Amino acid sequence: MKHSAAAAPEPGAAPDGAPVIAIDGPTASGKGEIARRVAARLGWHYLDSGALYRVTALAALRAGIALDDEEALARLARELPVTFAGARIELGGQDVSAEIRRQEVGSAASQVATIGAVREALGGLQRSFRRPPGLVADGRDMATVLFPDAHLKVFLTASLECRAERRHKQLIEKGFSANIPSLLQELSERDARDSNRALAPLRSAQGALVIDSTQMTIEKVLESIVQEHHRRNG
C-alpha cells in the first residue's frame, strides 16, 4: 500500500468509527517498534508520525532551508513529496527510510516540530491514516492532539541511559557511527525541547496507560498493550 502526502484529506475527514491506539513517548523509548508490532498483531494500519517530521527535516537540510525559517518550512511541509509503501519511505521517489534515522536528521526534526505551521501542514496527512479496521499511531502528541478520542492511549518511556543504549545499538546496526556520551546529551536536549515547546508538548495524556519499559522486554510491553486493548473492547 502506498500513501502519498499529495492525496491527504483535510483534518477531521477520516472515517468515523475507526478505532485508534495512540502510543506516545520520548525519543528511543521503543514506541515505534512496539506500535508496528501491535498493528501487525491486530491487522491494523500503522502511522509513524515522527517519520513525517524527519522527512520534512531531511528535505529542509537538503534544500539548505534554515531550521528557524518558519514560512519556508511550512511551505515545504505542505508540498512534501513523501510516499509510504509498507516499511519503505520515499522522498521525491527516493528511498530515505534509513537516511531519516540519522542522528542529525532526528535533531533537526525535533526543531522543525516546534513550528505550528509545519504541524498544521502535516496534521491532515497524519489523520488520513485513520481507516478501518483501525490505526496504531506513535509519536509525541498522538493521544493529546491528533487523536484525542483514541480508545487506548499509551505513554511509553524508559530511563535516559536505557534509551541511549537502544539508540546506539540501532544506529550501529544501520551502519552509522555513534557513541553513548553524545547520545545521552542529545536525548536529554531533545527531551527538554519536546517537553517544553509551546505547541503540543510531549506529555502523558489523561487516562493513558503509562509503561516504563526500562526493565521490560519488547514482548512484555507488546502483551501489556494488546491485553489492555482487548480488555477495553470487552
C-alpha atoms as a PDB file:
ATOM      1  CA  MET A   1       0.000   0.000   0.000  1.00  0.00           C
ATOM      2  CA  LYS A   2       1.253   3.429  -0.932  1.00  0.00           C
ATOM      3  CA  HIS A   3       0.184   6.572   0.819  1.00  0.00           C
ATOM      4  CA  SER A   4       1.076   9.954  -0.629  1.00  0.00           C
ATOM      5  CA  ALA A   5       1.012  13.350   1.039  1.00  0.00           C
ATOM      6  CA  ALA A   6      -0.492  14.856  -2.089  1.00  0.00           C
ATOM      7  CA  ALA A   7      -3.740  12.968  -1.534  1.00  0.00           C
ATOM      8  CA  ALA A   8      -4.133  13.773   2.152  1.00  0.00           C
ATOM      9  CA  PRO A   9      -7.655  14.850   3.183  1.00  0.00           C
ATOM     10  CA  GLU A  10      -8.423  17.778   5.411  1.00  0.00           C
ATOM     11  CA  PRO A  11      -8.208  17.258   9.187  1.00  0.00           C
ATOM     12  CA  GLY A  12     -11.330  15.520  10.500  1.00  0.00           C
ATOM     13  CA  ALA A  13     -12.047  13.816   7.167  1.00  0.00           C
ATOM     14  CA  ALA A  14     -11.082  10.379   8.441  1.00  0.00           C
ATOM     15  CA  PRO A  15     -13.884   7.784   8.619  1.00  0.00           C
ATOM     16  CA  ASP A  16     -15.841   7.877  11.849  1.00  0.00           C
ATOM     17  CA  GLY A  17     -15.660   4.798  13.991  1.00  0.00           C
ATOM     18  CA  ALA A  18     -12.163   3.594  13.076  1.00  0.00           C
ATOM     19  CA  PRO A  19     -10.544   2.891  16.463  1.00  0.00           C
ATOM     20  CA  VAL A  20      -7.131   4.258  17.341  1.00  0.00           C
ATOM     21  CA  ILE A  21      -4.406   3.104  19.697  1.00  0.00           C
ATOM     22  CA  ALA A  22      -2.181   6.129  20.305  1.00  0.00           C
ATOM     23  CA  ILE A  23       1.326   5.471  21.617  1.00  0.00           C
ATOM     24  CA  ASP A  24       3.343   8.499  22.707  1.00  0.00           C
ATOM     25  CA  GLY A  25       6.724   8.752  24.347  1.00  0.00           C
ATOM     26  CA  PRO A  26      10.191  10.296  24.223  1.00  0.00           C
ATOM     27  CA  THR A  27      12.872   9.530  21.666  1.00  0.00           C
ATOM     28  CA  ALA A  28      14.197   5.943  21.698  1.00  0.00           C
ATOM     29  CA  SER A  29      11.548   4.734  24.132  1.00  0.00           C
ATOM     30  CA  GLY A  30      10.772   1.884  21.738  1.00  0.00           C
ATOM     31  CA  LYS A  31       7.354   3.213  20.734  1.00  0.00           C
ATOM     32  CA  GLY A  32       7.967   2.751  17.011  1.00  0.00           C
ATOM     33  CA  GLU A  33       8.836  -0.937  17.242  1.00  0.00           C
ATOM     34  CA  ILE A  34       6.021  -1.567  19.708  1.00  0.00           C
ATOM     35  CA  ALA A  35       3.458   0.287  17.589  1.00  0.00           C
ATOM     36  CA  ARG A  36       4.457  -1.675  14.475  1.00  0.00           C
ATOM     37  CA  ARG A  37       4.090  -4.943  16.357  1.00  0.00           C
ATOM     38  CA  VAL A  38       0.739  -4.004  17.851  1.00  0.00           C
ATOM     39  CA  ALA A  39      -0.532  -3.027  14.393  1.00  0.00           C
ATOM     40  CA  ALA A  40       0.718  -6.300  12.919  1.00  0.00           C
ATOM     41  CA  ARG A  41      -0.883  -8.318  15.733  1.00  0.00           C
ATOM     42  CA  LEU A  42      -4.252  -6.642  15.254  1.00  0.00           C
ATOM     43  CA  GLY A  43      -4.092  -6.337  11.468  1.00  0.00           C
ATOM     44  CA  TRP A  44      -4.471  -2.540  11.692  1.00  0.00           C
ATOM     45  CA  HIS A  45      -2.849   0.351   9.850  1.00  0.00           C
ATOM     46  CA  TYR A  46       0.284   1.945  11.305  1.00  0.00           C
ATOM     47  CA  LEU A  47       1.385   5.579  11.439  1.00  0.00           C
ATOM     48  CA  ASP A  48       4.927   6.627  12.307  1.00  0.00           C
ATOM     49  CA  SER A  49       4.237  10.324  12.803  1.00  0.00           C
ATOM     50  CA  GLY A  50       7.863  11.051  13.624  1.00  0.00           C
ATOM     51  CA  ALA A  51       8.877   9.883  10.152  1.00  0.00           C
ATOM     52  CA  LEU A  52       6.925  12.770   8.629  1.00  0.00           C
ATOM     53  CA  TYR A  53       8.851  15.313  10.671  1.00  0.00           C
ATOM     54  CA  ARG A  54      12.107  13.538   9.875  1.00  0.00           C
ATOM     55  CA  VAL A  55      11.335  13.599   6.139  1.00  0.00           C
ATOM     56  CA  THR A  56      10.476  17.299   6.405  1.00  0.00           C
ATOM     57  CA  ALA A  57      13.742  17.942   8.247  1.00  0.00           C
ATOM     58  CA  LEU A  58      15.735  15.945   5.694  1.00  0.00           C
ATOM     59  CA  ALA A  59      14.147  17.855   2.833  1.00  0.00           C
ATOM     60  CA  ALA A  60      14.977  21.128   4.584  1.00  0.00           C
ATOM     61  CA  LEU A  61      18.596  20.126   5.154  1.00  0.00           C
ATOM     62  CA  ARG A  62      18.947  19.098   1.520  1.00  0.00           C
ATOM     63  CA  ALA A  63      17.412  22.362   0.317  1.00  0.00           C
ATOM     64  CA  GLY A  64      19.539  24.472   2.649  1.00  0.00           C
ATOM     65  CA  ILE A  65      16.495  25.883   4.449  1.00  0.00           C
ATOM     66  CA  ALA A  66      17.272  27.305   7.878  1.00  0.00           C
ATOM     67  CA  LEU A  67      15.539  25.446  10.684  1.00  0.00           C
ATOM     68  CA  ASP A  68      14.129  28.715  12.038  1.00  0.00           C
ATOM     69  CA  ASP A  69      12.659  29.835   8.702  1.00  0.00           C
ATOM     70  CA  GLU A  70       9.040  29.104   9.601  1.00  0.00           C
ATOM     71  CA  GLU A  71       7.486  30.282   6.331  1.00  0.00           C
ATOM     72  CA  ALA A  72       9.813  28.247   4.131  1.00  0.00           C
ATOM     73  CA  LEU A  73       9.488  25.142   6.325  1.00  0.00           C
ATOM     74  CA  ALA A  74       5.688  25.340   6.331  1.00  0.00           C
ATOM     75  CA  ARG A  75       5.663  25.691   2.551  1.00  0.00           C
ATOM     76  CA  LEU A  76       7.998  22.702   2.299  1.00  0.00           C
ATOM     77  CA  ALA A  77       5.736  20.606   4.554  1.00  0.00           C
ATOM     78  CA  ARG A  78       2.628  21.484   2.519  1.00  0.00           C
ATOM     79  CA  GLU A  79       4.306  20.392  -0.707  1.00  0.00           C
ATOM     80  CA  LEU A  80       6.274  17.455   0.705  1.00  0.00           C
ATOM     81  CA  PRO A  81       6.569  14.708  -1.967  1.00  0.00           C
ATOM     82  CA  VAL A  82       6.539  11.873   0.576  1.00  0.00           C
ATOM     83  CA  THR A  83       5.194   8.395  -0.093  1.00  0.00           C
ATOM     84  CA  PHE A  84       4.775   5.433   2.240  1.00  0.00           C
ATOM     85  CA  ALA A  85       4.937   1.970   0.687  1.00  0.00           C
ATOM     86  CA  GLY A  86       4.873  -0.535   3.509  1.00  0.00           C
ATOM     87  CA  ALA A  87       8.048  -0.039   5.541  1.00  0.00           C
ATOM     88  CA  ARG A  88       9.610   1.988   2.714  1.00  0.00           C
ATOM     89  CA  ILE A  89       9.536   5.789   2.955  1.00  0.00           C
ATOM     90  CA  GLU A  90      10.234   7.764  -0.206  1.00  0.00           C
ATOM     91  CA  LEU A  91      11.026  11.427  -0.693  1.00  0.00           C
ATOM     92  CA  GLY A  92      10.573  12.510  -4.280  1.00  0.00           C
ATOM     93  CA  GLY A  93      10.698   8.866  -5.340  1.00  0.00           C
ATOM     94  CA  GLN A  94      13.950   8.142  -3.458  1.00  0.00           C
ATOM     95  CA  ASP A  95      14.060   5.651  -0.602  1.00  0.00           C
ATOM     96  CA  VAL A  96      15.056   7.608   2.514  1.00  0.00           C
ATOM     97  CA  SER A  97      13.958   5.023   5.097  1.00  0.00           C
ATOM     98  CA  ALA A  98      17.487   4.691   6.514  1.00  0.00           C
ATOM     99  CA  GLU A  99      18.674   8.252   5.957  1.00  0.00           C
ATOM    100  CA  ILE A 100      15.916   9.855   8.042  1.00  0.00           C
ATOM    101  CA  ARG A 101      17.129   7.835  11.059  1.00  0.00           C
ATOM    102  CA  ARG A 102      20.480   9.620  11.104  1.00  0.00           C
ATOM    103  CA  GLN A 103      21.261  11.443  14.321  1.00  0.00           C
ATOM    104  CA  GLU A 104      21.463  14.918  12.751  1.00  0.00           C
ATOM    105  CA  VAL A 105      18.152  14.434  10.937  1.00  0.00           C
ATOM    106  CA  GLY A 106      16.441  13.449  14.178  1.00  0.00           C
ATOM    107  CA  SER A 107      17.792  16.522  15.922  1.00  0.00           C
ATOM    108  CA  ALA A 108      16.615  18.750  13.072  1.00  0.00           C
ATOM    109  CA  ALA A 109      13.190  17.083  13.145  1.00  0.00           C
ATOM    110  CA  SER A 110      12.821  17.957  16.815  1.00  0.00           C
ATOM    111  CA  GLN A 111      13.390  21.626  15.949  1.00  0.00           C
ATOM    112  CA  VAL A 112      11.057  21.557  12.955  1.00  0.00           C
ATOM    113  CA  ALA A 113       8.328  20.008  15.105  1.00  0.00           C
ATOM    114  CA  THR A 114       8.146  23.135  17.279  1.00  0.00           C
ATOM    115  CA  ILE A 115       6.756  25.175  14.378  1.00  0.00           C
ATOM    116  CA  GLY A 116       2.978  25.471  14.416  1.00  0.00           C
ATOM    117  CA  ALA A 117       2.567  25.970  10.668  1.00  0.00           C
ATOM    118  CA  VAL A 118       4.532  22.787   9.997  1.00  0.00           C
ATOM    119  CA  ARG A 119       2.443  20.797  12.468  1.00  0.00           C
ATOM    120  CA  GLU A 120      -0.732  22.117  10.843  1.00  0.00           C
ATOM    121  CA  ALA A 121       0.521  21.220   7.372  1.00  0.00           C
ATOM    122  CA  LEU A 122       1.297  17.647   8.398  1.00  0.00           C
ATOM    123  CA  GLY A 123      -1.809  17.170  10.563  1.00  0.00           C
ATOM    124  CA  GLY A 124      -4.157  16.334   7.716  1.00  0.00           C
ATOM    125  CA  LEU A 125      -1.821  13.690   6.355  1.00  0.00           C
ATOM    126  CA  GLN A 126      -1.480  12.066   9.764  1.00  0.00           C
ATOM    127  CA  ARG A 127      -5.239  11.958  10.352  1.00  0.00           C
ATOM    128  CA  SER A 128      -5.792  10.433   6.911  1.00  0.00           C
ATOM    129  CA  PHE A 129      -4.176   7.219   8.117  1.00  0.00           C
ATOM    130  CA  ARG A 130      -7.229   6.598  10.321  1.00  0.00           C
ATOM    131  CA  ARG A 131      -9.104   3.961   8.358  1.00  0.00           C
ATOM    132  CA  PRO A 132     -10.916   0.711   9.199  1.00  0.00           C
ATOM    133  CA  PRO A 133     -10.262  -1.692  10.749  1.00  0.00           C
ATOM    134  CA  GLY A 134      -8.161   0.612  12.975  1.00  0.00           C
ATOM    135  CA  LEU A 135      -4.947   2.559  13.404  1.00  0.00           C
ATOM    136  CA  VAL A 136      -1.948   2.295  15.714  1.00  0.00           C
ATOM    137  CA  ALA A 137      -0.165   5.666  15.763  1.00  0.00           C
ATOM    138  CA  ASP A 138       3.079   6.528  17.511  1.00  0.00           C
ATOM    139  CA  GLY A 139       4.604   9.914  18.175  1.00  0.00           C
ATOM    140  CA  ARG A 140       4.647  12.629  20.797  1.00  0.00           C
ATOM    141  CA  ASP A 141       1.166  14.116  20.520  1.00  0.00           C
ATOM    142  CA  MET A 142      -0.934  11.302  19.088  1.00  0.00           C
ATOM    143  CA  ALA A 143      -3.138  10.991  22.179  1.00  0.00           C
ATOM    144  CA  THR A 144      -3.086  14.633  23.244  1.00  0.00           C
ATOM    145  CA  VAL A 145      -3.625  16.408  19.906  1.00  0.00           C
ATOM    146  CA  LEU A 146      -4.045  14.255  16.791  1.00  0.00           C
ATOM    147  CA  PHE A 147      -6.330  11.535  18.149  1.00  0.00           C
ATOM    148  CA  PRO A 148      -7.738  12.738  21.492  1.00  0.00           C
ATOM    149  CA  ASP A 149     -10.618  10.267  21.099  1.00  0.00           C
ATOM    150  CA  ALA A 150      -8.281   7.249  20.838  1.00  0.00           C
ATOM    151  CA  HIS A 151      -9.851   4.305  22.646  1.00  0.00           C
ATOM    152  CA  LEU A 152      -6.463   3.358  24.113  1.00  0.00           C
ATOM    153  CA  LYS A 153      -3.779   5.906  24.954  1.00  0.00           C
ATOM    154  CA  VAL A 154      -0.322   4.691  25.902  1.00  0.00           C
ATOM    155  CA  PHE A 155       2.655   6.658  27.186  1.00  0.00           C
ATOM    156  CA  LEU A 156       5.794   4.573  26.742  1.00  0.00           C
ATOM    157  CA  THR A 157       9.010   5.646  28.402  1.00  0.00           C
ATOM    158  CA  ALA A 158      12.327   4.312  29.704  1.00  0.00           C
ATOM    159  CA  SER A 159      15.355   5.688  31.539  1.00  0.00           C
ATOM    160  CA  LEU A 160      17.654   8.056  29.675  1.00  0.00           C
ATOM    161  CA  GLU A 161      20.532   5.561  29.898  1.00  0.00           C
ATOM    162  CA  CYS A 162      18.408   2.741  28.560  1.00  0.00           C
ATOM    163  CA  ARG A 163      17.192   4.845  25.649  1.00  0.00           C
ATOM    164  CA  ALA A 164      20.742   5.928  24.778  1.00  0.00           C
ATOM    165  CA  GLU A 165      21.868   2.303  24.689  1.00  0.00           C
ATOM    166  CA  ARG A 166      18.927   1.345  22.480  1.00  0.00           C
ATOM    167  CA  ARG A 167      19.559   4.184  20.059  1.00  0.00           C
ATOM    168  CA  HIS A 168      23.287   3.375  19.962  1.00  0.00           C
ATOM    169  CA  LYS A 169      22.540  -0.235  19.042  1.00  0.00           C
ATOM    170  CA  GLN A 170      20.042   0.857  16.407  1.00  0.00           C
ATOM    171  CA  LEU A 171      22.465   3.281  14.762  1.00  0.00           C
ATOM    172  CA  ILE A 172      25.376   0.834  14.784  1.00  0.00           C
ATOM    173  CA  GLU A 173      23.204  -1.867  13.216  1.00  0.00           C
ATOM    174  CA  LYS A 174      22.280   0.564  10.430  1.00  0.00           C
ATOM    175  CA  GLY A 175      25.932   1.365   9.804  1.00  0.00           C
ATOM    176  CA  PHE A 176      26.020   4.831  11.384  1.00  0.00           C
ATOM    177  CA  SER A 177      28.698   5.935  13.830  1.00  0.00           C
ATOM    178  CA  ALA A 178      27.553   6.853  17.338  1.00  0.00           C
ATOM    179  CA  ASN A 179      28.772   6.988  20.917  1.00  0.00           C
ATOM    180  CA  ILE A 180      26.885   6.781  24.194  1.00  0.00           C
ATOM    181  CA  PRO A 181      28.007  10.125  25.754  1.00  0.00           C
ATOM    182  CA  SER A 182      26.898  12.172  22.745  1.00  0.00           C
ATOM    183  CA  LEU A 183      23.630  10.248  22.557  1.00  0.00           C
ATOM    184  CA  LEU A 184      22.932  10.890  26.238  1.00  0.00           C
ATOM    185  CA  GLN A 185      23.422  14.614  25.689  1.00  0.00           C
ATOM    186  CA  GLU A 186      21.327  14.682  22.520  1.00  0.00           C
ATOM    187  CA  LEU A 187      18.460  12.712  24.071  1.00  0.00           C
ATOM    188  CA  SER A 188      18.473  14.930  27.148  1.00  0.00           C
ATOM    189  CA  GLU A 189      18.305  18.048  24.965  1.00  0.00           C
ATOM    190  CA  ARG A 190      15.538  16.575  22.812  1.00  0.00           C
ATOM    191  CA  ASP A 191      13.531  15.591  25.896  1.00  0.00           C
ATOM    192  CA  ALA A 192      13.741  19.158  27.171  1.00  0.00           C
ATOM    193  CA  ARG A 193      12.857  20.658  23.792  1.00  0.00           C
ATOM    194  CA  ASP A 194       9.942  18.270  23.192  1.00  0.00           C
ATOM    195  CA  SER A 195       8.543  18.633  26.705  1.00  0.00           C
ATOM    196  CA  ASN A 196       8.851  22.417  26.927  1.00  0.00           C
ATOM    197  CA  ARG A 197       7.741  23.506  23.475  1.00  0.00           C
ATOM    198  CA  ALA A 198       4.664  25.726  23.405  1.00  0.00           C
ATOM    199  CA  LEU A 199       2.816  23.665  20.800  1.00  0.00           C
ATOM    200  CA  ALA A 200       1.802  20.054  21.520  1.00  0.00           C
ATOM    201  CA  PRO A 201       4.445  19.364  24.162  1.00  0.00           C
ATOM    202  CA  LEU A 202       5.396  15.791  24.969  1.00  0.00           C
ATOM    203  CA  ARG A 203       3.302  14.640  27.911  1.00  0.00           C
ATOM    204  CA  SER A 204       1.207  11.743  29.050  1.00  0.00           C
ATOM    205  CA  ALA A 205      -2.451  12.102  28.048  1.00  0.00           C
ATOM    206  CA  GLN A 206      -5.084  11.979  30.746  1.00  0.00           C
ATOM    207  CA  GLY A 207      -6.096   8.381  31.341  1.00  0.00           C
ATOM    208  CA  ALA A 208      -3.139   6.974  29.437  1.00  0.00           C
ATOM    209  CA  LEU A 209      -1.617   3.602  30.229  1.00  0.00           C
ATOM    210  CA  VAL A 210       1.901   4.554  31.357  1.00  0.00           C
ATOM    211  CA  ILE A 211       4.563   1.912  30.709  1.00  0.00           C
ATOM    212  CA  ASP A 212       8.192   2.206  31.802  1.00  0.00           C
ATOM    213  CA  SER A 213       9.974  -0.300  29.574  1.00  0.00           C
ATOM    214  CA  THR A 214      13.421   0.051  31.163  1.00  0.00           C
ATOM    215  CA  GLN A 215      13.271  -3.420  32.684  1.00  0.00           C
ATOM    216  CA  MET A 216      10.800  -4.931  30.203  1.00  0.00           C
ATOM    217  CA  THR A 217      11.263  -6.953  27.045  1.00  0.00           C
ATOM    218  CA  ILE A 218       9.558  -5.910  23.831  1.00  0.00           C
ATOM    219  CA  GLU A 219       7.306  -8.946  24.139  1.00  0.00           C
ATOM    220  CA  LYS A 220       6.118  -7.955  27.616  1.00  0.00           C
ATOM    221  CA  VAL A 221       5.347  -4.399  26.525  1.00  0.00           C
ATOM    222  CA  LEU A 222       3.509  -5.715  23.460  1.00  0.00           C
ATOM    223  CA  GLU A 223       1.405  -8.094  25.518  1.00  0.00           C
ATOM    224  CA  SER A 224       0.542  -5.376  28.046  1.00  0.00           C
ATOM    225  CA  ILE A 225      -0.855  -3.132  25.314  1.00  0.00           C
ATOM    226  CA  VAL A 226      -2.680  -5.864  23.406  1.00  0.00           C
ATOM    227  CA  GLN A 227      -4.247  -7.223  26.593  1.00  0.00           C
ATOM    228  CA  GLU A 228      -5.415  -3.739  27.599  1.00  0.00           C
ATOM    229  CA  HIS A 229      -6.892  -3.240  24.123  1.00  0.00           C
ATOM    230  CA  HIS A 230      -8.848  -6.493  24.372  1.00  0.00           C
ATOM    231  CA  ARG A 231      -9.940  -5.689  27.919  1.00  0.00           C
ATOM    232  CA  ARG A 232     -11.388  -2.355  26.841  1.00  0.00           C
ATOM    233  CA  ASN A 233     -13.118  -3.951  23.852  1.00  0.00           C
ATOM    234  CA  GLY A 234     -14.781  -6.476  26.141  1.00  0.00           C
END
